[in-house]
Amino acid sequence: MASRSNTRFQKRLKELARASKRRDKEEKKQQRKAEKVTDGEGPPIEAIDPTDLGLPPLDDQEEVVKVQ
């Protein structure tokens, strides 16, 4: 019966290790989430001129919308 007690102890150690790992992962997840939400900094957004893409200018598009 001594082995039964030992296996219970080992199982308890494994459960504690899993719980600890789970807590660590959750803390890291929350930390990454907090870092991600900072100031909204990012690359600047630039307007694209439709003529650079070979499209008609925006003024022509407005006339098409008015006709419809």
PDB file of N, CA and C in Angstrom:
ATOM      1  N   MET A   1       0.796  -1.197   0.000  1.00  0.00           N
ATOM      2  CA  MET A   1       0.000   0.000   0.000  1.00  0.00           C
ATOM      3  C   MET A   1       0.839   1.262   0.000  1.00  0.00           C
ATOM      4  N   ALA A   2       2.072   1.144   0.229  1.00  0.00           N
ATOM      5  CA  ALA A   2       2.928   2.316   0.232  1.00  0.00           C
ATOM      6  C   ALA A   2       3.002   2.938  -1.161  1.00  0.00           C
ATOM      7  N   SER A   3       2.927   2.109  -2.185  1.00  0.00           N
ATOM      8  CA  SER A   3       3.011   2.647  -3.537  1.00  0.00           C
ATOM      9  C   SER A   3       1.766   3.475  -3.881  1.00  0.00           C
ATOM     10  N   ARG A   4       0.633   3.103  -3.310  1.00  0.00           N
ATOM     11  CA  ARG A   4      -0.584   3.854  -3.589  1.00  0.00           C
ATOM     12  C   ARG A   4      -0.443   5.298  -3.071  1.00  0.00           C
ATOM     13  N   SER A   5       0.080   5.450  -1.905  1.00  0.00           N
ATOM     14  CA  SER A   5       0.268   6.775  -1.334  1.00  0.00           C
ATOM     15  C   SER A   5       1.241   7.592  -2.184  1.00  0.00           C
ATOM     16  N   ASN A   6       2.286   6.941  -2.659  1.00  0.00           N
ATOM     17  CA  ASN A   6       3.277   7.623  -3.483  1.00  0.00           C
ATOM     18  C   ASN A   6       2.654   8.100  -4.792  1.00  0.00           C
ATOM     19  N   THR A   7       1.813   7.277  -5.410  1.00  0.00           N
ATOM     20  CA  THR A   7       1.194   7.679  -6.671  1.00  0.00           C
ATOM     21  C   THR A   7       0.235   8.845  -6.459  1.00  0.00           C
ATOM     22  N   ARG A   8      -0.456   8.855  -5.350  1.00  0.00           N
ATOM     23  CA  ARG A   8      -1.353   9.970  -5.057  1.00  0.00           C
ATOM     24  C   ARG A   8      -0.548  11.260  -4.911  1.00  0.00           C
ATOM     25  N   PHE A   9       0.567  11.161  -4.238  1.00  0.00           N
ATOM     26  CA  PHE A   9       1.425  12.336  -4.051  1.00  0.00           C
ATOM     27  C   PHE A   9       1.956  12.835  -5.395  1.00  0.00           C
ATOM     28  N   GLN A  10       2.365  11.898  -6.250  1.00  0.00           N
ATOM     29  CA  GLN A  10       2.865  12.284  -7.564  1.00  0.00           C
ATOM     30  C   GLN A  10       1.770  12.927  -8.407  1.00  0.00           C
ATOM     31  N   LYS A  11       0.574  12.366  -8.299  1.00  0.00           N
ATOM     32  CA  LYS A  11      -0.542  12.933  -9.044  1.00  0.00           C
ATOM     33  C   LYS A  11      -0.830  14.350  -8.558  1.00  0.00           C
ATOM     34  N   ARG A  12      -0.769  14.552  -7.262  1.00  0.00           N
ATOM     35  CA  ARG A  12      -1.006  15.878  -6.691  1.00  0.00           C
ATOM     36  C   ARG A  12       0.055  16.875  -7.191  1.00  0.00           C
ATOM     37  N   LEU A  13       1.304  16.441  -7.253  1.00  0.00           N
ATOM     38  CA  LEU A  13       2.362  17.304  -7.766  1.00  0.00           C
ATOM     39  C   LEU A  13       2.107  17.691  -9.228  1.00  0.00           C
ATOM     40  N   LYS A  14       1.652  16.726 -10.028  1.00  0.00           N
ATOM     41  CA  LYS A  14       1.353  17.005 -11.425  1.00  0.00           C
ATOM     42  C   LYS A  14       0.213  18.012 -11.543  1.00  0.00           C
ATOM     43  N   GLU A  15      -0.820  17.827 -10.721  1.00  0.00           N
ATOM     44  CA  GLU A  15      -1.960  18.750 -10.744  1.00  0.00           C
ATOM     45  C   GLU A  15      -1.522  20.166 -10.367  1.00  0.00           C
ATOM     46  N   LEU A  16      -0.673  20.275  -9.358  1.00  0.00           N
ATOM     47  CA  LEU A  16      -0.176  21.586  -8.948  1.00  0.00           C
ATOM     48  C   LEU A  16       0.658  22.230 -10.056  1.00  0.00           C
ATOM     49  N   ALA A  17       1.477  21.436 -10.725  1.00  0.00           N
ATOM     50  CA  ALA A  17       2.310  21.946 -11.813  1.00  0.00           C
ATOM     51  C   ALA A  17       1.431  22.437 -12.965  1.00  0.00           C
ATOM     52  N   ARG A  18       0.384  21.672 -13.291  1.00  0.00           N
ATOM     53  CA  ARG A  18      -0.529  22.087 -14.371  1.00  0.00           C
ATOM     54  C   ARG A  18      -1.241  23.388 -14.018  1.00  0.00           C
ATOM     55  N   ALA A  19      -1.703  23.480 -12.775  1.00  0.00           N
ATOM     56  CA  ALA A  19      -2.398  24.699 -12.342  1.00  0.00           C
ATOM     57  C   ALA A  19      -1.461  25.897 -12.390  1.00  0.00           C
ATOM     58  N   SER A  20      -0.223  25.704 -11.980  1.00  0.00           N
ATOM     59  CA  SER A  20       0.759  26.777 -12.004  1.00  0.00           C
ATOM     60  C   SER A  20       1.029  27.224 -13.448  1.00  0.00           C
ATOM     61  N   LYS A  21       1.170  26.260 -14.333  1.00  0.00           N
ATOM     62  CA  LYS A  21       1.415  26.556 -15.736  1.00  0.00           C
ATOM     63  C   LYS A  21       0.233  27.329 -16.337  1.00  0.00           C
ATOM     64  N   ARG A  22      -0.975  26.910 -15.986  1.00  0.00           N
ATOM     65  CA  ARG A  22      -2.176  27.575 -16.470  1.00  0.00           C
ATOM     66  C   ARG A  22      -2.216  29.036 -16.016  1.00  0.00           C
ATOM     67  N   ARG A  23      -1.875  29.264 -14.732  1.00  0.00           N
ATOM     68  CA  ARG A  23      -1.848  30.623 -14.192  1.00  0.00           C
ATOM     69  C   ARG A  23      -0.814  31.482 -14.916  1.00  0.00           C
ATOM     70  N   ASP A  24       0.369  30.908 -15.139  1.00  0.00           N
ATOM     71  CA  ASP A  24       1.436  31.636 -15.832  1.00  0.00           C
ATOM     72  C   ASP A  24       1.005  32.022 -17.248  1.00  0.00           C
ATOM     73  N   LYS A  25       0.367  31.077 -17.950  1.00  0.00           N
ATOM     74  CA  LYS A  25      -0.077  31.347 -19.314  1.00  0.00           C
ATOM     75  C   LYS A  25      -1.135  32.447 -19.328  1.00  0.00           C
ATOM     76  N   GLU A  26      -2.055  32.427 -18.372  1.00  0.00           N
ATOM     77  CA  GLU A  26      -3.099  33.441 -18.306  1.00  0.00           C
ATOM     78  C   GLU A  26      -2.505  34.820 -18.017  1.00  0.00           C
ATOM     79  N   GLU A  27      -1.510  34.879 -17.134  1.00  0.00           N
ATOM     80  CA  GLU A  27      -0.847  36.152 -16.837  1.00  0.00           C
ATOM     81  C   GLU A  27      -0.145  36.705 -18.074  1.00  0.00           C
ATOM     82  N   LYS A  28       0.553  35.834 -18.812  1.00  0.00           N
ATOM     83  CA  LYS A  28       1.237  36.261 -20.028  1.00  0.00           C
ATOM     84  C   LYS A  28       0.237  36.747 -21.068  1.00  0.00           C
ATOM     85  N   LYS A  29      -0.900  36.054 -21.173  1.00  0.00           N
ATOM     86  CA  LYS A  29      -1.929  36.438 -22.124  1.00  0.00           C
ATOM     87  C   LYS A  29      -2.471  37.828 -21.798  1.00  0.00           C
ATOM     88  N   GLN A  30      -2.738  38.082 -20.524  1.00  0.00           N
ATOM     89  CA  GLN A  30      -3.240  39.386 -20.106  1.00  0.00           C
ATOM     90  C   GLN A  30      -2.195  40.473 -20.326  1.00  0.00           C
ATOM     91  N   GLN A  31      -0.930  40.148 -20.105  1.00  0.00           N
ATOM     92  CA  GLN A  31       0.140  41.113 -20.314  1.00  0.00           C
ATOM     93  C   GLN A  31       0.245  41.484 -21.796  1.00  0.00           C
ATOM     94  N   ARG A  32       0.175  40.484 -22.679  1.00  0.00           N
ATOM     95  CA  ARG A  32       0.226  40.756 -24.120  1.00  0.00           C
ATOM     96  C   ARG A  32      -0.972  41.597 -24.547  1.00  0.00           C
ATOM     97  N   LYS A  33      -2.133  41.282 -23.986  1.00  0.00           N
ATOM     98  CA  LYS A  33      -3.344  42.022 -24.311  1.00  0.00           C
ATOM     99  C   LYS A  33      -3.213  43.478 -23.881  1.00  0.00           C
ATOM    100  N   ALA A  34      -2.634  43.725 -22.703  1.00  0.00           N
ATOM    101  CA  ALA A  34      -2.449  45.084 -22.205  1.00  0.00           C
ATOM    102  C   ALA A  34      -1.457  45.846 -23.081  1.00  0.00           C
ATOM    103  N   GLU A  35      -0.406  45.189 -23.536  1.00  0.00           N
ATOM    104  CA  GLU A  35       0.585  45.833 -24.399  1.00  0.00           C
ATOM    105  C   GLU A  35      -0.011  46.152 -25.767  1.00  0.00           C
ATOM    106  N   LYS A  36      -0.917  45.323 -26.230  1.00  0.00           N
ATOM    107  CA  LYS A  36      -1.514  45.490 -27.543  1.00  0.00           C
ATOM    108  C   LYS A  36      -2.448  46.701 -27.580  1.00  0.00           C
ATOM    109  N   VAL A  37      -3.059  47.046 -26.465  1.00  0.00           N
ATOM    110  CA  VAL A  37      -4.057  48.102 -26.406  1.00  0.00           C
ATOM    111  C   VAL A  37      -3.436  49.476 -26.148  1.00  0.00           C
ATOM    112  N   THR A  38      -2.148  49.588 -26.093  1.00  0.00           N
ATOM    113  CA  THR A  38      -1.497  50.861 -25.794  1.00  0.00           C
ATOM    114  C   THR A  38      -1.759  51.890 -26.872  1.00  0.00           C
ATOM    115  N   ASP A  39      -1.842  53.118 -26.531  1.00  0.00           N
ATOM    116  CA  ASP A  39      -1.931  54.345 -27.322  1.00  0.00           C
ATOM    117  C   ASP A  39      -2.444  54.235 -28.754  1.00  0.00           C
ATOM    118  N   GLY A  40      -2.648  53.119 -29.306  1.00  0.00           N
ATOM    119  CA  GLY A  40      -3.098  53.012 -30.688  1.00  0.00           C
ATOM    120  C   GLY A  40      -2.047  53.447 -31.678  1.00  0.00           C
ATOM    121  N   GLU A  41      -0.806  53.377 -31.280  1.00  0.00           N
ATOM    122  CA  GLU A  41       0.267  53.769 -32.183  1.00  0.00           C
ATOM    123  C   GLU A  41       0.427  52.733 -33.281  1.00  0.00           C
ATOM    124  N   GLY A  42       0.799  53.200 -34.419  1.00  0.00           N
ATOM    125  CA  GLY A  42       1.017  52.311 -35.538  1.00  0.00           C
ATOM    126  C   GLY A  42       1.539  53.125 -36.699  1.00  0.00           C
ATOM    127  N   PRO A  43       1.692  52.494 -37.812  1.00  0.00           N
ATOM    128  CA  PRO A  43       2.181  53.238 -38.967  1.00  0.00           C
ATOM    129  C   PRO A  43       1.151  54.267 -39.409  1.00  0.00           C
ATOM    130  N   PRO A  44       1.584  55.409 -39.911  1.00  0.00           N
ATOM    131  CA  PRO A  44       0.637  56.430 -40.354  1.00  0.00           C
ATOM    132  C   PRO A  44      -0.144  55.950 -41.575  1.00  0.00           C
ATOM    133  N   ILE A  45      -1.372  56.382 -41.663  1.00  0.00           N
ATOM    134  CA  ILE A  45      -2.228  56.015 -42.785  1.00  0.00           C
ATOM    135  C   ILE A  45      -2.153  57.138 -43.814  1.00  0.00           C
ATOM    136  N   GLU A  46      -1.857  56.777 -45.048  1.00  0.00           N
ATOM    137  CA  GLU A  46      -1.727  57.765 -46.112  1.00  0.00           C
ATOM    138  C   GLU A  46      -2.880  57.593 -47.099  1.00  0.00           C
ATOM    139  N   ALA A  47      -3.362  58.712 -47.614  1.00  0.00           N
ATOM    140  CA  ALA A  47      -4.402  58.676 -48.627  1.00  0.00           C
ATOM    141  C   ALA A  47      -3.784  58.243 -49.958  1.00  0.00           C
ATOM    142  N   ILE A  48      -4.518  57.431 -50.684  1.00  0.00           N
ATOM    143  CA  ILE A  48      -4.044  56.954 -51.982  1.00  0.00           C
ATOM    144  C   ILE A  48      -4.784  57.724 -53.064  1.00  0.00           C
ATOM    145  N   ASP A  49      -4.045  58.292 -53.984  1.00  0.00           N
ATOM    146  CA  ASP A  49      -4.635  59.016 -55.101  1.00  0.00           C
ATOM    147  C   ASP A  49      -5.103  57.993 -56.135  1.00  0.00           C
ATOM    148  N   PRO A  50      -6.386  58.006 -56.512  1.00  0.00           N
ATOM    149  CA  PRO A  50      -6.880  57.001 -57.463  1.00  0.00           C
ATOM    150  C   PRO A  50      -6.208  57.079 -58.825  1.00  0.00           C
ATOM    151  N   THR A  51      -5.687  58.253 -59.174  1.00  0.00           N
ATOM    152  CA  THR A  51      -5.020  58.365 -60.472  1.00  0.00           C
ATOM    153  C   THR A  51      -3.709  57.589 -60.481  1.00  0.00           C
ATOM    154  N   ASP A  52      -3.096  57.404 -59.325  1.00  0.00           N
ATOM    155  CA  ASP A  52      -1.875  56.602 -59.242  1.00  0.00           C
ATOM    156  C   ASP A  52      -2.155  55.140 -59.567  1.00  0.00           C
ATOM    157  N   LEU A  53      -3.378  54.719 -59.327  1.00  0.00           N
ATOM    158  CA  LEU A  53      -3.755  53.327 -59.582  1.00  0.00           C
ATOM    159  C   LEU A  53      -4.373  53.138 -60.962  1.00  0.00           C
ATOM    160  N   GLY A  54      -4.451  54.226 -61.731  1.00  0.00           N
ATOM    161  CA  GLY A  54      -5.035  54.129 -63.063  1.00  0.00           C
ATOM    162  C   GLY A  54      -6.545  54.255 -63.047  1.00  0.00           C
ATOM    163  N   LEU A  55      -7.112  54.763 -61.974  1.00  0.00           N
ATOM    164  CA  LEU A  55      -8.552  54.934 -61.867  1.00  0.00           C
ATOM    165  C   LEU A  55      -8.928  56.369 -62.216  1.00  0.00           C
ATOM    166  N   PRO A  56     -10.174  56.600 -62.562  1.00  0.00           N
ATOM    167  CA  PRO A  56     -10.584  57.984 -62.851  1.00  0.00           C
ATOM    168  C   PRO A  56     -10.557  58.807 -61.566  1.00  0.00           C
ATOM    169  N   PRO A  57     -10.379  60.113 -61.677  1.00  0.00           N
ATOM    170  CA  PRO A  57     -10.359  60.967 -60.486  1.00  0.00           C
ATOM    171  C   PRO A  57     -11.679  60.893 -59.724  1.00  0.00           C
ATOM    172  N   LEU A  58     -11.657  61.268 -58.468  1.00  0.00           N
ATOM    173  CA  LEU A  58     -12.843  61.193 -57.618  1.00  0.00           C
ATOM    174  C   LEU A  58     -13.975  62.074 -58.125  1.00  0.00           C
ATOM    175  N   ASP A  59     -13.680  63.200 -58.766  1.00  0.00           N
ATOM    176  CA  ASP A  59     -14.725  64.092 -59.275  1.00  0.00           C
ATOM    177  C   ASP A  59     -15.626  63.367 -60.271  1.00  0.00           C
ATOM    178  N   ASP A  60     -15.057  62.531 -61.144  1.00  0.00           N
ATOM    179  CA  ASP A  60     -15.842  61.774 -62.123  1.00  0.00           C
ATOM    180  C   ASP A  60     -16.750  60.769 -61.428  1.00  0.00           C
ATOM    181  N   GLN A  61     -16.297  60.184 -60.356  1.00  0.00           N
ATOM    182  CA  GLN A  61     -17.087  59.195 -59.633  1.00  0.00           C
ATOM    183  C   GLN A  61     -18.309  59.844 -58.999  1.00  0.00           C
ATOM    184  N   GLU A  62     -18.188  61.089 -58.534  1.00  0.00           N
ATOM    185  CA  GLU A  62     -19.308  61.782 -57.926  1.00  0.00           C
ATOM    186  C   GLU A  62     -20.394  62.041 -58.960  1.00  0.00           C
ATOM    187  N   GLU A  63     -19.998  62.384 -60.204  1.00  0.00           N
ATOM    188  CA  GLU A  63     -20.973  62.624 -61.261  1.00  0.00           C
ATOM    189  C   GLU A  63     -21.732  61.357 -61.596  1.00  0.00           C
ATOM    190  N   VAL A  64     -21.054  60.221 -61.608  1.00  0.00           N
ATOM    191  CA  VAL A  64     -21.708  58.952 -61.884  1.00  0.00           C
ATOM    192  C   VAL A  64     -22.754  58.653 -60.825  1.00  0.00           C
ATOM    193  N   VAL A  65     -22.450  58.949 -59.580  1.00  0.00           N
ATOM    194  CA  VAL A  65     -23.386  58.689 -58.494  1.00  0.00           C
ATOM    195  C   VAL A  65     -24.593  59.591 -58.631  1.00  0.00           C
ATOM    196  N   LYS A  66     -24.415  60.855 -59.061  1.00  0.00           N
ATOM    197  CA  LYS A  66     -25.512  61.799 -59.219  1.00  0.00           C
ATOM    198  C   LYS A  66     -26.453  61.353 -60.333  1.00  0.00           C
ATOM    199  N   VAL A  67     -25.925  60.772 -61.402  1.00  0.00           N
ATOM    200  CA  VAL A  67     -26.730  60.351 -62.537  1.00  0.00           C
ATOM    201  C   VAL A  67     -27.638  59.203 -62.150  1.00  0.00           C
ATOM    202  N   GLN A  68     -27.162  58.310 -61.342  1.00  0.00           N
ATOM    203  CA  GLN A  68     -27.947  57.131 -60.972  1.00  0.00           C
ATOM    204  C   GLN A  68     -29.029  57.530 -60.102  1.00  0.00           C
TER     205      GLN A  68
END
